[in-house]
Amino acid sequence: MTGIDVAMILAQEQVPSRLSLLGGHLLAAVIFSVVGIIVFAVCLLILEKITPFSILREIGEEHNQAVATIIGAIILGISIIIGAAVLG
């Protein structure tokens, strides 16, 4: 065997298979999803604490459409920011 043949064999051994790449990407997606959900939950808890009223009571019991619309917009904004941070 020549030096080129040895180099070709070593290069082929270092290339990861498609299955290992898929597994790595799936694992990363699951980890980033869990981190994103945790950050999202923490943001919602902070939002609940800093408002002078209970968001759940206003939306659930009082049926306050204005609060529901504003909170929905805030949730979408937080989700977009977290998604962009996860994607890099």
C-alpha atoms as a PDB file:
ATOM      1  CA  MET A   1       0.000   0.000   0.000  1.00  0.00           C
ATOM      2  CA  THR A   2       1.144   3.469  -0.789  1.00  0.00           C
ATOM      3  CA  GLY A   3       0.855   6.528   1.387  1.00  0.00           C
ATOM      4  CA  ILE A   4      -2.160   7.720  -0.583  1.00  0.00           C
ATOM      5  CA  ASP A   5      -4.016   4.451   0.042  1.00  0.00           C
ATOM      6  CA  VAL A   6      -3.383   4.719   3.782  1.00  0.00           C
ATOM      7  CA  ALA A   7      -4.562   8.332   3.794  1.00  0.00           C
ATOM      8  CA  MET A   8      -7.761   7.351   1.956  1.00  0.00           C
ATOM      9  CA  ILE A   9      -8.492   4.576   4.454  1.00  0.00           C
ATOM     10  CA  LEU A  10      -7.934   6.927   7.401  1.00  0.00           C
ATOM     11  CA  ALA A  11     -10.115   9.614   5.822  1.00  0.00           C
ATOM     12  CA  GLN A  12     -12.967   7.141   5.321  1.00  0.00           C
ATOM     13  CA  GLU A  13     -12.793   5.999   8.927  1.00  0.00           C
ATOM     14  CA  GLN A  14     -13.076   9.552  10.276  1.00  0.00           C
ATOM     15  CA  VAL A  15     -16.232  10.432   8.344  1.00  0.00           C
ATOM     16  CA  PRO A  16     -19.235   9.913  10.629  1.00  0.00           C
ATOM     17  CA  SER A  17     -22.074   7.827   9.293  1.00  0.00           C
ATOM     18  CA  ARG A  18     -25.451   9.308   8.455  1.00  0.00           C
ATOM     19  CA  LEU A  19     -27.043   7.491  11.359  1.00  0.00           C
ATOM     20  CA  SER A  20     -24.613   8.933  13.897  1.00  0.00           C
ATOM     21  CA  LEU A  21     -25.122  12.418  12.435  1.00  0.00           C
ATOM     22  CA  LEU A  22     -28.885  11.996  12.637  1.00  0.00           C
ATOM     23  CA  GLY A  23     -28.620  10.795  16.235  1.00  0.00           C
ATOM     24  CA  GLY A  24     -26.452  13.749  17.172  1.00  0.00           C
ATOM     25  CA  HIS A  25     -28.818  16.230  15.553  1.00  0.00           C
ATOM     26  CA  LEU A  26     -31.864  14.657  17.180  1.00  0.00           C
ATOM     27  CA  LEU A  27     -30.196  14.737  20.577  1.00  0.00           C
ATOM     28  CA  ALA A  28     -29.268  18.391  20.117  1.00  0.00           C
ATOM     29  CA  ALA A  29     -32.825  19.217  19.040  1.00  0.00           C
ATOM     30  CA  VAL A  30     -34.293  17.521  22.103  1.00  0.00           C
ATOM     31  CA  ILE A  31     -31.847  19.243  24.458  1.00  0.00           C
ATOM     32  CA  PHE A  32     -32.451  22.678  22.945  1.00  0.00           C
ATOM     33  CA  SER A  33     -36.220  22.100  23.001  1.00  0.00           C
ATOM     34  CA  VAL A  34     -36.131  21.248  26.696  1.00  0.00           C
ATOM     35  CA  VAL A  35     -33.936  24.269  27.445  1.00  0.00           C
ATOM     36  CA  GLY A  36     -36.287  26.493  25.424  1.00  0.00           C
ATOM     37  CA  ILE A  37     -39.352  25.218  27.262  1.00  0.00           C
ATOM     38  CA  ILE A  38     -37.675  25.773  30.637  1.00  0.00           C
ATOM     39  CA  VAL A  39     -36.660  29.325  29.703  1.00  0.00           C
ATOM     40  CA  PHE A  40     -40.188  29.960  28.412  1.00  0.00           C
ATOM     41  CA  ALA A  41     -41.739  28.707  31.670  1.00  0.00           C
ATOM     42  CA  VAL A  42     -39.395  30.878  33.722  1.00  0.00           C
ATOM     43  CA  CYS A  43     -40.356  33.911  31.608  1.00  0.00           C
ATOM     44  CA  LEU A  44     -44.035  33.216  32.204  1.00  0.00           C
ATOM     45  CA  LEU A  45     -43.457  32.901  35.946  1.00  0.00           C
ATOM     46  CA  ILE A  46     -41.563  36.201  35.967  1.00  0.00           C
ATOM     47  CA  LEU A  47     -44.375  37.811  33.975  1.00  0.00           C
ATOM     48  CA  GLU A  48     -46.929  36.525  36.486  1.00  0.00           C
ATOM     49  CA  LYS A  49     -44.874  37.912  39.393  1.00  0.00           C
ATOM     50  CA  ILE A  50     -44.272  41.397  37.963  1.00  0.00           C
ATOM     51  CA  THR A  51     -47.880  42.119  37.026  1.00  0.00           C
ATOM     52  CA  PRO A  52     -49.981  43.725  39.766  1.00  0.00           C
ATOM     53  CA  PHE A  53     -52.833  41.261  39.095  1.00  0.00           C
ATOM     54  CA  SER A  54     -53.177  37.542  38.537  1.00  0.00           C
ATOM     55  CA  ILE A  55     -53.017  36.810  34.819  1.00  0.00           C
ATOM     56  CA  LEU A  56     -54.682  33.430  35.248  1.00  0.00           C
ATOM     57  CA  ARG A  57     -57.578  34.932  37.208  1.00  0.00           C
ATOM     58  CA  GLU A  58     -58.057  37.791  34.746  1.00  0.00           C
ATOM     59  CA  ILE A  59     -58.147  35.500  31.725  1.00  0.00           C
ATOM     60  CA  GLY A  60     -59.816  32.441  33.257  1.00  0.00           C
ATOM     61  CA  GLU A  61     -62.375  33.878  35.651  1.00  0.00           C
ATOM     62  CA  GLU A  62     -62.899  37.472  34.501  1.00  0.00           C
ATOM     63  CA  HIS A  63     -62.672  36.634  30.761  1.00  0.00           C
ATOM     64  CA  ASN A  64     -60.622  39.765  30.131  1.00  0.00           C
ATOM     65  CA  GLN A  65     -60.043  39.726  26.364  1.00  0.00           C
ATOM     66  CA  ALA A  66     -57.620  42.658  26.435  1.00  0.00           C
ATOM     67  CA  VAL A  67     -55.292  40.955  28.909  1.00  0.00           C
ATOM     68  CA  ALA A  68     -55.511  37.697  26.954  1.00  0.00           C
ATOM     69  CA  THR A  69     -54.519  39.477  23.728  1.00  0.00           C
ATOM     70  CA  ILE A  70     -51.575  41.268  25.319  1.00  0.00           C
ATOM     71  CA  ILE A  71     -50.323  38.139  27.099  1.00  0.00           C
ATOM     72  CA  GLY A  72     -50.679  36.178  23.833  1.00  0.00           C
ATOM     73  CA  ALA A  73     -48.532  38.761  22.028  1.00  0.00           C
ATOM     74  CA  ILE A  74     -45.925  38.643  24.805  1.00  0.00           C
ATOM     75  CA  ILE A  75     -45.865  34.830  24.671  1.00  0.00           C
ATOM     76  CA  LEU A  76     -45.346  34.895  20.900  1.00  0.00           C
ATOM     77  CA  GLY A  77     -42.539  37.436  21.278  1.00  0.00           C
ATOM     78  CA  ILE A  78     -40.780  35.387  23.945  1.00  0.00           C
ATOM     79  CA  SER A  79     -41.159  32.251  21.817  1.00  0.00           C
ATOM     80  CA  ILE A  80     -39.631  33.933  18.763  1.00  0.00           C
ATOM     81  CA  ILE A  81     -36.686  35.209  20.816  1.00  0.00           C
ATOM     82  CA  ILE A  82     -36.060  31.789  22.379  1.00  0.00           C
ATOM     83  CA  GLY A  83     -36.349  30.095  18.982  1.00  0.00           C
ATOM     84  CA  ALA A  84     -33.848  32.494  17.437  1.00  0.00           C
ATOM     85  CA  ALA A  85     -31.454  31.971  20.338  1.00  0.00           C
ATOM     86  CA  VAL A  86     -31.678  28.191  19.976  1.00  0.00           C
ATOM     87  CA  LEU A  87     -31.042  28.333  16.229  1.00  0.00           C
ATOM     88  CA  GLY A  88     -27.972  30.472  16.817  1.00  0.00           C
END
